Amino acid sequence: MGKRTASDLLKFVGERLMSARVQCGLALEEAAEEAGIDDERLAAAEAGTLGLQEDELEDLAETYSQPLEWFFGGESTPLPYLLGAST
């Protein structure tokens, strides 16, 4: 994938998060609870408006049985995504 802006990356990761959740057959609230993440944060991340913390992504990767890199198209966690993460 070519060079992406932070905004592009947030949207891409959000689409992957939603895809993985739907593939697992989980409602947003169920996935958030299982991963120990606030459901509003997960909804914003899926919408591409919020970058999650690395530990939150790791918890979601475990919940969805996906490697962390899958959310980024097979790349390691890009710095622009982590810089977009807010607490």
Protein backbone atom coordinates (compact mmCIF):
# COMPACT_ATOMS: atom_id res chain seq x y z
CA MET A 1 0.00 0.00 0.00
CA GLY A 2 1.52 3.37 -0.78
CA LYS A 3 2.27 6.08 1.72
CA ARG A 4 -0.80 6.88 3.80
CA THR A 5 -1.71 9.94 5.79
CA ALA A 6 -2.70 9.56 9.43
CA SER A 7 -6.33 10.17 8.42
CA ASP A 8 -6.16 7.47 5.73
CA LEU A 9 -4.63 5.09 8.23
CA LEU A 10 -7.32 5.75 10.85
CA LYS A 11 -10.00 4.97 8.26
CA PHE A 12 -8.20 1.85 7.01
CA VAL A 13 -7.72 0.47 10.53
CA GLY A 14 -11.33 1.35 11.38
CA GLU A 15 -12.58 -0.66 8.41
CA ARG A 16 -10.40 -3.61 9.43
CA LEU A 17 -11.64 -3.42 13.03
CA MET A 18 -15.26 -3.46 11.90
CA SER A 19 -14.63 -6.25 9.39
CA ALA A 20 -12.99 -8.45 12.02
CA ARG A 21 -15.77 -7.81 14.53
CA VAL A 22 -18.51 -8.62 12.03
CA GLN A 23 -16.62 -11.72 10.88
CA CYS A 24 -16.59 -12.89 14.52
CA GLY A 25 -20.34 -12.30 14.76
CA LEU A 26 -20.01 -9.82 17.62
CA ALA A 27 -22.06 -6.70 18.24
CA LEU A 28 -19.94 -3.63 18.93
CA GLU A 29 -20.88 -3.65 22.61
CA GLU A 30 -20.01 -7.36 22.94
CA ALA A 31 -16.61 -6.91 21.31
CA ALA A 32 -15.81 -3.88 23.45
CA GLU A 33 -16.76 -5.70 26.64
CA GLU A 34 -14.79 -8.81 25.69
CA ALA A 35 -11.71 -6.71 24.90
CA GLY A 36 -12.16 -4.46 27.96
CA ILE A 37 -12.53 -1.30 25.85
CA ASP A 38 -15.13 1.43 26.15
CA ASP A 39 -17.73 0.87 23.42
CA GLU A 40 -17.71 4.55 22.44
CA ARG A 41 -13.95 4.37 21.82
CA LEU A 42 -14.39 1.25 19.70
CA ALA A 43 -17.20 2.89 17.72
CA ALA A 44 -15.02 5.96 17.07
CA ALA A 45 -12.08 3.76 16.05
CA GLU A 46 -14.29 1.80 13.64
CA ALA A 47 -15.52 5.11 12.20
CA GLY A 48 -11.91 6.14 11.62
CA THR A 49 -12.06 9.15 13.90
CA LEU A 50 -9.97 7.82 16.83
CA GLY A 51 -6.72 5.94 17.10
CA LEU A 52 -6.68 3.33 19.83
CA GLN A 53 -3.82 2.70 22.21
CA GLU A 54 -1.52 -0.20 21.33
CA ASP A 55 -2.75 -2.26 24.30
CA GLU A 56 -6.35 -1.75 23.17
CA LEU A 57 -5.45 -2.96 19.67
CA GLU A 58 -3.69 -5.98 21.17
CA ASP A 59 -6.80 -6.82 23.20
CA LEU A 60 -8.98 -6.53 20.08
CA ALA A 61 -6.54 -8.64 18.07
CA GLU A 62 -6.88 -11.35 20.71
CA THR A 63 -10.69 -11.00 20.80
CA TYR A 64 -10.88 -11.29 17.00
CA SER A 65 -8.16 -13.98 16.73
CA GLN A 66 -6.15 -11.80 14.35
CA PRO A 67 -2.48 -10.82 14.46
CA LEU A 68 -2.02 -7.17 15.38
CA GLU A 69 -0.38 -6.49 12.01
CA TRP A 70 -3.56 -7.56 10.19
CA PHE A 71 -5.28 -4.32 11.21
CA PHE A 72 -2.57 -2.42 9.30
CA GLY A 73 -2.57 -4.55 6.16
CA GLY A 74 0.26 -6.78 7.34
CA GLU A 75 2.56 -3.95 8.44
CA SER A 76 3.81 -3.41 11.96
CA THR A 77 1.95 -0.70 13.87
CA PRO A 78 2.71 2.52 11.94
CA LEU A 79 3.83 5.51 13.96
CA PRO A 80 1.19 7.88 12.47
CA TYR A 81 -1.56 5.65 13.84
CA LEU A 82 -0.05 5.54 17.30
CA LEU A 83 0.49 9.30 17.23
CA GLY A 84 -3.21 9.70 16.42
CA ALA A 85 -4.15 7.66 19.49
CA SER A 86 -5.68 9.61 22.31
CA THR A 87 -6.33 8.59 25.88
